[in-house]
Amino acid sequence: LLLLAAEVQGRGVGRAAYTQLEAELRTAGCCRIRIDVVDEDADNVKPFWCKLGFVETGRVQLSWGNKTSSAAVMHKQLC
C-alpha cells in the first residue's frame, strides 16, 4: 500500500519510492510486478502508474473492513 500525503504529491516522492522498489525487485530477480490500483474516486492515480510502464490487465474488488472498492489490476514486465 503506497499512500502519500497531499502536501508531498507532485514532488517526485512517489516516483522515487517506486524507482527504489523496482530496483530492489530487479536485484532479487523479479521479472513482473502486479499492483492493484483503486481508481474509483476523483483523485485517480492510475495515470501515474501508466506513466511508470504499468498496463491494466483486469479488475478486482478490494475489501477493507466494511468498505469495498473497485480496482484496476496492473502489471509491468521487468525482464
PDB file of N, CA and C in Angstrom:
ATOM      1  N   LEU A   1       0.857  -1.164   0.000  1.00  0.00           N
ATOM      2  CA  LEU A   1       0.000   0.000   0.000  1.00  0.00           C
ATOM      3  C   LEU A   1       0.906   1.230   0.000  1.00  0.00           C
ATOM      4  N   LEU A   2       0.728   2.066  -0.989  1.00  0.00           N
ATOM      5  CA  LEU A   2       1.506   3.301  -1.082  1.00  0.00           C
ATOM      6  C   LEU A   2       0.546   4.473  -1.050  1.00  0.00           C
ATOM      7  N   LEU A   3       0.644   5.268  -0.005  1.00  0.00           N
ATOM      8  CA  LEU A   3      -0.162   6.480   0.131  1.00  0.00           C
ATOM      9  C   LEU A   3       0.775   7.632   0.444  1.00  0.00           C
ATOM     10  N   LEU A   4       0.579   8.741  -0.232  1.00  0.00           N
ATOM     11  CA  LEU A   4       1.385   9.932   0.023  1.00  0.00           C
ATOM     12  C   LEU A   4       0.496  11.056   0.534  1.00  0.00           C
ATOM     13  N   ALA A   5       0.979  11.794   1.503  1.00  0.00           N
ATOM     14  CA  ALA A   5       0.261  12.969   1.999  1.00  0.00           C
ATOM     15  C   ALA A   5       0.123  13.976   0.864  1.00  0.00           C
ATOM     16  N   ALA A   6      -0.993  14.670   0.843  1.00  0.00           N
ATOM     17  CA  ALA A   6      -1.277  15.624  -0.229  1.00  0.00           C
ATOM     18  C   ALA A   6      -0.163  16.653  -0.395  1.00  0.00           C
ATOM     19  N   GLU A   7       0.440  17.061   0.713  1.00  0.00           N
ATOM     20  CA  GLU A   7       1.463  18.117   0.606  1.00  0.00           C
ATOM     21  C   GLU A   7       2.754  17.674  -0.075  1.00  0.00           C
ATOM     22  N   VAL A   8       2.986  16.382  -0.253  1.00  0.00           N
ATOM     23  CA  VAL A   8       4.194  15.928  -0.955  1.00  0.00           C
ATOM     24  C   VAL A   8       3.886  15.372  -2.343  1.00  0.00           C
ATOM     25  N   GLN A   9       2.613  15.267  -2.676  1.00  0.00           N
ATOM     26  CA  GLN A   9       2.258  14.781  -4.006  1.00  0.00           C
ATOM     27  C   GLN A   9       2.699  15.781  -5.061  1.00  0.00           C
ATOM     28  N   GLY A  10       3.147  15.263  -6.197  1.00  0.00           N
ATOM     29  CA  GLY A  10       3.594  16.129  -7.287  1.00  0.00           C
ATOM     30  C   GLY A  10       5.027  16.601  -7.150  1.00  0.00           C
ATOM     31  N   ARG A  11       5.746  16.085  -6.167  1.00  0.00           N
ATOM     32  CA  ARG A  11       7.138  16.494  -5.941  1.00  0.00           C
ATOM     33  C   ARG A  11       8.138  15.404  -6.297  1.00  0.00           C
ATOM     34  N   GLY A  12       7.668  14.300  -6.867  1.00  0.00           N
ATOM     35  CA  GLY A  12       8.569  13.223  -7.254  1.00  0.00           C
ATOM     36  C   GLY A  12       8.825  12.195  -6.172  1.00  0.00           C
ATOM     37  N   VAL A  13       8.173  12.339  -5.017  1.00  0.00           N
ATOM     38  CA  VAL A  13       8.388  11.413  -3.905  1.00  0.00           C
ATOM     39  C   VAL A  13       7.872  10.011  -4.256  1.00  0.00           C
ATOM     40  N   GLY A  14       6.666   9.932  -4.833  1.00  0.00           N
ATOM     41  CA  GLY A  14       6.105   8.642  -5.218  1.00  0.00           C
ATOM     42  C   GLY A  14       6.945   7.955  -6.272  1.00  0.00           C
ATOM     43  N   ARG A  15       7.385   8.700  -7.266  1.00  0.00           N
ATOM     44  CA  ARG A  15       8.238   8.140  -8.324  1.00  0.00           C
ATOM     45  C   ARG A  15       9.560   7.640  -7.738  1.00  0.00           C
ATOM     46  N   ALA A  16      10.146   8.405  -6.836  1.00  0.00           N
ATOM     47  CA  ALA A  16      11.414   7.990  -6.217  1.00  0.00           C
ATOM     48  C   ALA A  16      11.233   6.716  -5.396  1.00  0.00           C
ATOM     49  N   ALA A  17      10.132   6.636  -4.640  1.00  0.00           N
ATOM     50  CA  ALA A  17       9.861   5.435  -3.837  1.00  0.00           C
ATOM     51  C   ALA A  17       9.669   4.235  -4.742  1.00  0.00           C
ATOM     52  N   TYR A  18       8.901   4.401  -5.819  1.00  0.00           N
ATOM     53  CA  TYR A  18       8.686   3.282  -6.736  1.00  0.00           C
ATOM     54  C   TYR A  18       9.984   2.874  -7.430  1.00  0.00           C
ATOM     55  N   THR A  19      10.770   3.841  -7.863  1.00  0.00           N
ATOM     56  CA  THR A  19      12.036   3.541  -8.553  1.00  0.00           C
ATOM     57  C   THR A  19      12.943   2.698  -7.665  1.00  0.00           C
ATOM     58  N   GLN A  20      12.999   3.027  -6.383  1.00  0.00           N
ATOM     59  CA  GLN A  20      13.807   2.251  -5.438  1.00  0.00           C
ATOM     60  C   GLN A  20      13.254   0.835  -5.292  1.00  0.00           C
ATOM     61  N   LEU A  21      11.936   0.710  -5.166  1.00  0.00           N
ATOM     62  CA  LEU A  21      11.309  -0.607  -5.056  1.00  0.00           C
ATOM     63  C   LEU A  21      11.601  -1.444  -6.295  1.00  0.00           C
ATOM     64  N   GLU A  22      11.446  -0.870  -7.481  1.00  0.00           N
ATOM     65  CA  GLU A  22      11.699  -1.613  -8.711  1.00  0.00           C
ATOM     66  C   GLU A  22      13.158  -2.070  -8.785  1.00  0.00           C
ATOM     67  N   ALA A  23      14.077  -1.219  -8.393  1.00  0.00           N
ATOM     68  CA  ALA A  23      15.494  -1.603  -8.394  1.00  0.00           C
ATOM     69  C   ALA A  23      15.731  -2.793  -7.475  1.00  0.00           C
ATOM     70  N   GLU A  24      15.120  -2.767  -6.305  1.00  0.00           N
ATOM     71  CA  GLU A  24      15.266  -3.884  -5.354  1.00  0.00           C
ATOM     72  C   GLU A  24      14.668  -5.165  -5.932  1.00  0.00           C
ATOM     73  N   LEU A  25      13.519  -5.063  -6.571  1.00  0.00           N
ATOM     74  CA  LEU A  25      12.883  -6.240  -7.160  1.00  0.00           C
ATOM     75  C   LEU A  25      13.708  -6.805  -8.307  1.00  0.00           C
ATOM     76  N   ARG A  26      14.272  -5.940  -9.142  1.00  0.00           N
ATOM     77  CA  ARG A  26      15.144  -6.407 -10.230  1.00  0.00           C
ATOM     78  C   ARG A  26      16.364  -7.139  -9.662  1.00  0.00           C
ATOM     79  N   THR A  27      16.969  -6.573  -8.616  1.00  0.00           N
ATOM     80  CA  THR A  27      18.127  -7.198  -7.974  1.00  0.00           C
ATOM     81  C   THR A  27      17.765  -8.579  -7.438  1.00  0.00           C
ATOM     82  N   ALA A  28      16.554  -8.725  -6.955  1.00  0.00           N
ATOM     83  CA  ALA A  28      16.091 -10.009  -6.408  1.00  0.00           C
ATOM     84  C   ALA A  28      15.681 -10.987  -7.507  1.00  0.00           C
ATOM     85  N   GLY A  29      15.718 -10.554  -8.756  1.00  0.00           N
ATOM     86  CA  GLY A  29      15.401 -11.445  -9.867  1.00  0.00           C
ATOM     87  C   GLY A  29      13.945 -11.462 -10.300  1.00  0.00           C
ATOM     88  N   CYS A  30      13.158 -10.524  -9.824  1.00  0.00           N
ATOM     89  CA  CYS A  30      11.752 -10.464 -10.213  1.00  0.00           C
ATOM     90  C   CYS A  30      11.638 -10.000 -11.663  1.00  0.00           C
ATOM     91  N   CYS A  31      10.725 -10.610 -12.398  1.00  0.00           N
ATOM     92  CA  CYS A  31      10.523 -10.254 -13.800  1.00  0.00           C
ATOM     93  C   CYS A  31       9.188  -9.584 -14.070  1.00  0.00           C
ATOM     94  N   ARG A  32       8.280  -9.590 -13.098  1.00  0.00           N
ATOM     95  CA  ARG A  32       6.962  -8.999 -13.312  1.00  0.00           C
ATOM     96  C   ARG A  32       6.429  -8.461 -11.991  1.00  0.00           C
ATOM     97  N   ILE A  33       5.796  -7.293 -12.071  1.00  0.00           N
ATOM     98  CA  ILE A  33       5.189  -6.684 -10.889  1.00  0.00           C
ATOM     99  C   ILE A  33       3.690  -6.582 -11.133  1.00  0.00           C
ATOM    100  N   ARG A  34       2.907  -6.912 -10.114  1.00  0.00           N
ATOM    101  CA  ARG A  34       1.454  -6.714 -10.158  1.00  0.00           C
ATOM    102  C   ARG A  34       1.087  -5.757  -9.034  1.00  0.00           C
ATOM    103  N   ILE A  35       0.261  -4.780  -9.379  1.00  0.00           N
ATOM    104  CA  ILE A  35      -0.290  -3.876  -8.375  1.00  0.00           C
ATOM    105  C   ILE A  35      -1.790  -3.780  -8.597  1.00  0.00           C
ATOM    106  N   ASP A  36      -2.520  -3.447  -7.552  1.00  0.00           N
ATOM    107  CA  ASP A  36      -3.946  -3.166  -7.643  1.00  0.00           C
ATOM    108  C   ASP A  36      -4.120  -1.686  -7.324  1.00  0.00           C
ATOM    109  N   VAL A  37      -4.774  -0.959  -8.219  1.00  0.00           N
ATOM    110  CA  VAL A  37      -4.910   0.487  -8.082  1.00  0.00           C
ATOM    111  C   VAL A  37      -6.385   0.857  -7.941  1.00  0.00           C
ATOM    112  N   VAL A  38      -6.769   1.334  -6.753  1.00  0.00           N
ATOM    113  CA  VAL A  38      -8.135   1.802  -6.556  1.00  0.00           C
ATOM    114  C   VAL A  38      -8.303   3.052  -7.405  1.00  0.00           C
ATOM    115  N   ASP A  39      -9.271   3.007  -8.310  1.00  0.00           N
ATOM    116  CA  ASP A  39      -9.397   4.093  -9.295  1.00  0.00           C
ATOM    117  C   ASP A  39     -10.815   4.624  -9.417  1.00  0.00           C
ATOM    118  N   GLU A  40     -11.578   4.524  -8.337  1.00  0.00           N
ATOM    119  CA  GLU A  40     -12.972   4.926  -8.424  1.00  0.00           C
ATOM    120  C   GLU A  40     -13.259   6.337  -7.905  1.00  0.00           C
ATOM    121  N   ASP A  41     -12.252   7.046  -7.442  1.00  0.00           N
ATOM    122  CA  ASP A  41     -12.510   8.382  -6.911  1.00  0.00           C
ATOM    123  C   ASP A  41     -11.886   9.466  -7.783  1.00  0.00           C
ATOM    124  N   ALA A  42     -12.154  10.705  -7.429  1.00  0.00           N
ATOM    125  CA  ALA A  42     -11.687  11.852  -8.219  1.00  0.00           C
ATOM    126  C   ALA A  42     -10.172  11.965  -8.255  1.00  0.00           C
ATOM    127  N   ASP A  43      -9.490  11.460  -7.225  1.00  0.00           N
ATOM    128  CA  ASP A  43      -8.027  11.539  -7.169  1.00  0.00           C
ATOM    129  C   ASP A  43      -7.409  10.283  -7.771  1.00  0.00           C
ATOM    130  N   ASN A  44      -7.926   9.844  -8.898  1.00  0.00           N
ATOM    131  CA  ASN A  44      -7.476   8.624  -9.559  1.00  0.00           C
ATOM    132  C   ASN A  44      -5.982   8.702  -9.884  1.00  0.00           C
ATOM    133  N   VAL A  45      -5.220   7.732  -9.377  1.00  0.00           N
ATOM    134  CA  VAL A  45      -3.768   7.727  -9.588  1.00  0.00           C
ATOM    135  C   VAL A  45      -3.338   6.746 -10.682  1.00  0.00           C
ATOM    136  N   LYS A  46      -4.294   6.150 -11.374  1.00  0.00           N
ATOM    137  CA  LYS A  46      -3.938   5.194 -12.427  1.00  0.00           C
ATOM    138  C   LYS A  46      -3.026   5.815 -13.492  1.00  0.00           C
ATOM    139  N   PRO A  47      -3.241   7.067 -13.922  1.00  0.00           N
ATOM    140  CA  PRO A  47      -2.325   7.663 -14.906  1.00  0.00           C
ATOM    141  C   PRO A  47      -0.864   7.698 -14.420  1.00  0.00           C
ATOM    142  N   PHE A  48      -0.651   7.892 -13.131  1.00  0.00           N
ATOM    143  CA  PHE A  48       0.702   7.867 -12.559  1.00  0.00           C
ATOM    144  C   PHE A  48       1.357   6.524 -12.843  1.00  0.00           C
ATOM    145  N   TRP A  49       0.637   5.438 -12.573  1.00  0.00           N
ATOM    146  CA  TRP A  49       1.197   4.096 -12.762  1.00  0.00           C
ATOM    147  C   TRP A  49       1.379   3.774 -14.241  1.00  0.00           C
ATOM    148  N   CYS A  50       0.496   4.264 -15.094  1.00  0.00           N
ATOM    149  CA  CYS A  50       0.670   4.065 -16.539  1.00  0.00           C
ATOM    150  C   CYS A  50       1.956   4.732 -17.025  1.00  0.00           C
ATOM    151  N   LYS A  51       2.257   5.928 -16.509  1.00  0.00           N
ATOM    152  CA  LYS A  51       3.497   6.626 -16.879  1.00  0.00           C
ATOM    153  C   LYS A  51       4.733   5.833 -16.482  1.00  0.00           C
ATOM    154  N   LEU A  52       4.600   5.008 -15.437  1.00  0.00           N
ATOM    155  CA  LEU A  52       5.718   4.191 -14.977  1.00  0.00           C
ATOM    156  C   LEU A  52       5.796   2.841 -15.699  1.00  0.00           C
ATOM    157  N   GLY A  53       4.939   2.648 -16.692  1.00  0.00           N
ATOM    158  CA  GLY A  53       5.013   1.450 -17.517  1.00  0.00           C
ATOM    159  C   GLY A  53       4.033   0.336 -17.174  1.00  0.00           C
ATOM    160  N   PHE A  54       3.114   0.570 -16.260  1.00  0.00           N
ATOM    161  CA  PHE A  54       2.130  -0.447 -15.908  1.00  0.00           C
ATOM    162  C   PHE A  54       0.976  -0.432 -16.910  1.00  0.00           C
ATOM    163  N   VAL A  55       0.417  -1.634 -17.142  1.00  0.00           N
ATOM    164  CA  VAL A  55      -0.701  -1.808 -18.063  1.00  0.00           C
ATOM    165  C   VAL A  55      -1.833  -2.494 -17.310  1.00  0.00           C
ATOM    166  N   GLU A  56      -3.055  -1.984 -17.484  1.00  0.00           N
ATOM    167  CA  GLU A  56      -4.202  -2.621 -16.834  1.00  0.00           C
ATOM    168  C   GLU A  56      -4.499  -3.947 -17.514  1.00  0.00           C
ATOM    169  N   THR A  57      -4.651  -4.996 -16.705  1.00  0.00           N
ATOM    170  CA  THR A  57      -4.913  -6.337 -17.236  1.00  0.00           C
ATOM    171  C   THR A  57      -6.217  -6.933 -16.727  1.00  0.00           C
ATOM    172  N   GLY A  58      -6.920  -6.228 -15.859  1.00  0.00           N
ATOM    173  CA  GLY A  58      -8.179  -6.738 -15.331  1.00  0.00           C
ATOM    174  C   GLY A  58      -8.719  -5.850 -14.233  1.00  0.00           C
ATOM    175  N   ARG A  59      -9.742  -6.361 -13.557  1.00  0.00           N
ATOM    176  CA  ARG A  59     -10.393  -5.634 -12.472  1.00  0.00           C
ATOM    177  C   ARG A  59     -10.530  -6.565 -11.278  1.00  0.00           C
ATOM    178  N   VAL A  60     -10.608  -5.990 -10.088  1.00  0.00           N
ATOM    179  CA  VAL A  60     -10.770  -6.756  -8.863  1.00  0.00           C
ATOM    180  C   VAL A  60     -11.537  -5.894  -7.856  1.00  0.00           C
ATOM    181  N   GLN A  61     -12.203  -6.539  -6.926  1.00  0.00           N
ATOM    182  CA  GLN A  61     -12.862  -5.848  -5.819  1.00  0.00           C
ATOM    183  C   GLN A  61     -11.988  -6.039  -4.578  1.00  0.00           C
ATOM    184  N   LEU A  62     -11.634  -4.948  -3.905  1.00  0.00           N
ATOM    185  CA  LEU A  62     -10.816  -4.999  -2.701  1.00  0.00           C
ATOM    186  C   LEU A  62     -11.674  -4.599  -1.506  1.00  0.00           C
ATOM    187  N   SER A  63     -11.519  -5.302  -0.392  1.00  0.00           N
ATOM    188  CA  SER A  63     -12.301  -5.002   0.808  1.00  0.00           C
ATOM    189  C   SER A  63     -11.393  -4.722   1.984  1.00  0.00           C
ATOM    190  N   TRP A  64     -11.695  -3.643   2.699  1.00  0.00           N
ATOM    191  CA  TRP A  64     -11.042  -3.286   3.956  1.00  0.00           C
ATOM    192  C   TRP A  64     -12.153  -3.019   4.946  1.00  0.00           C
ATOM    193  N   GLY A  65     -12.308  -3.878   5.917  1.00  0.00           N
ATOM    194  CA  GLY A  65     -13.393  -3.706   6.874  1.00  0.00           C
ATOM    195  C   GLY A  65     -14.730  -3.743   6.164  1.00  0.00           C
ATOM    196  N   ASN A  66     -15.517  -2.686   6.311  1.00  0.00           N
ATOM    197  CA  ASN A  66     -16.838  -2.614   5.684  1.00  0.00           C
ATOM    198  C   ASN A  66     -16.826  -1.941   4.319  1.00  0.00           C
ATOM    199  N   LYS A  67     -15.663  -1.514   3.833  1.00  0.00           N
ATOM    200  CA  LYS A  67     -15.579  -0.799   2.554  1.00  0.00           C
ATOM    201  C   LYS A  67     -15.073  -1.728   1.460  1.00  0.00           C
ATOM    202  N   THR A  68     -15.757  -1.707   0.333  1.00  0.00           N
ATOM    203  CA  THR A  68     -15.315  -2.437  -0.855  1.00  0.00           C
ATOM    204  C   THR A  68     -15.066  -1.428  -1.961  1.00  0.00           C
ATOM    205  N   SER A  69     -13.933  -1.567  -2.641  1.00  0.00           N
ATOM    206  CA  SER A  69     -13.565  -0.638  -3.708  1.00  0.00           C
ATOM    207  C   SER A  69     -13.227  -1.414  -4.970  1.00  0.00           C
ATOM    208  N   SER A  70     -13.511  -0.804  -6.097  1.00  0.00           N
ATOM    209  CA  SER A  70     -13.128  -1.362  -7.386  1.00  0.00           C
ATOM    210  C   SER A  70     -11.700  -0.928  -7.687  1.00  0.00           C
ATOM    211  N   ALA A  71     -10.909  -1.844  -8.224  1.00  0.00           N
ATOM    212  CA  ALA A  71      -9.508  -1.523  -8.508  1.00  0.00           C
ATOM    213  C   ALA A  71      -9.079  -2.121  -9.835  1.00  0.00           C
ATOM    214  N   ALA A  72      -8.159  -1.443 -10.485  1.00  0.00           N
ATOM    215  CA  ALA A  72      -7.543  -1.958 -11.705  1.00  0.00           C
ATOM    216  C   ALA A  72      -6.382  -2.871 -11.296  1.00  0.00           C
ATOM    217  N   VAL A  73      -6.322  -4.051 -11.922  1.00  0.00           N
ATOM    218  CA  VAL A  73      -5.167  -4.933 -11.767  1.00  0.00           C
ATOM    219  C   VAL A  73      -4.182  -4.492 -12.838  1.00  0.00           C
ATOM    220  N   MET A  74      -2.958  -4.130 -12.432  1.00  0.00           N
ATOM    221  CA  MET A  74      -1.968  -3.623 -13.370  1.00  0.00           C
ATOM    222  C   MET A  74      -0.669  -4.419 -13.251  1.00  0.00           C
ATOM    223  N   HIS A  75      -0.034  -4.653 -14.399  1.00  0.00           N
ATOM    224  CA  HIS A  75       1.220  -5.400 -14.449  1.00  0.00           C
ATOM    225  C   HIS A  75       2.295  -4.598 -15.181  1.00  0.00           C
ATOM    226  N   LYS A  76       3.539  -4.894 -14.827  1.00  0.00           N
ATOM    227  CA  LYS A  76       4.699  -4.344 -15.539  1.00  0.00           C
ATOM    228  C   LYS A  76       5.734  -5.443 -15.680  1.00  0.00           C
ATOM    229  N   GLN A  77       6.183  -5.662 -16.896  1.00  0.00           N
ATOM    230  CA  GLN A  77       7.255  -6.640 -17.160  1.00  0.00           C
ATOM    231  C   GLN A  77       8.603  -5.982 -16.902  1.00  0.00           C
ATOM    232  N   LEU A  78       9.465  -6.661 -16.184  1.00  0.00           N
ATOM    233  CA  LEU A  78      10.813  -6.158 -15.916  1.00  0.00           C
ATOM    234  C   LEU A  78      11.863  -6.871 -16.749  1.00  0.00           C
ATOM    235  N   CYS A  79      11.592  -8.092 -17.169  1.00  0.00           N
ATOM    236  CA  CYS A  79      12.557  -8.880 -17.941  1.00  0.00           C
ATOM    237  C   CYS A  79      12.008  -9.139 -19.337  1.00  0.00           C
TER     238      CYS A  79
END
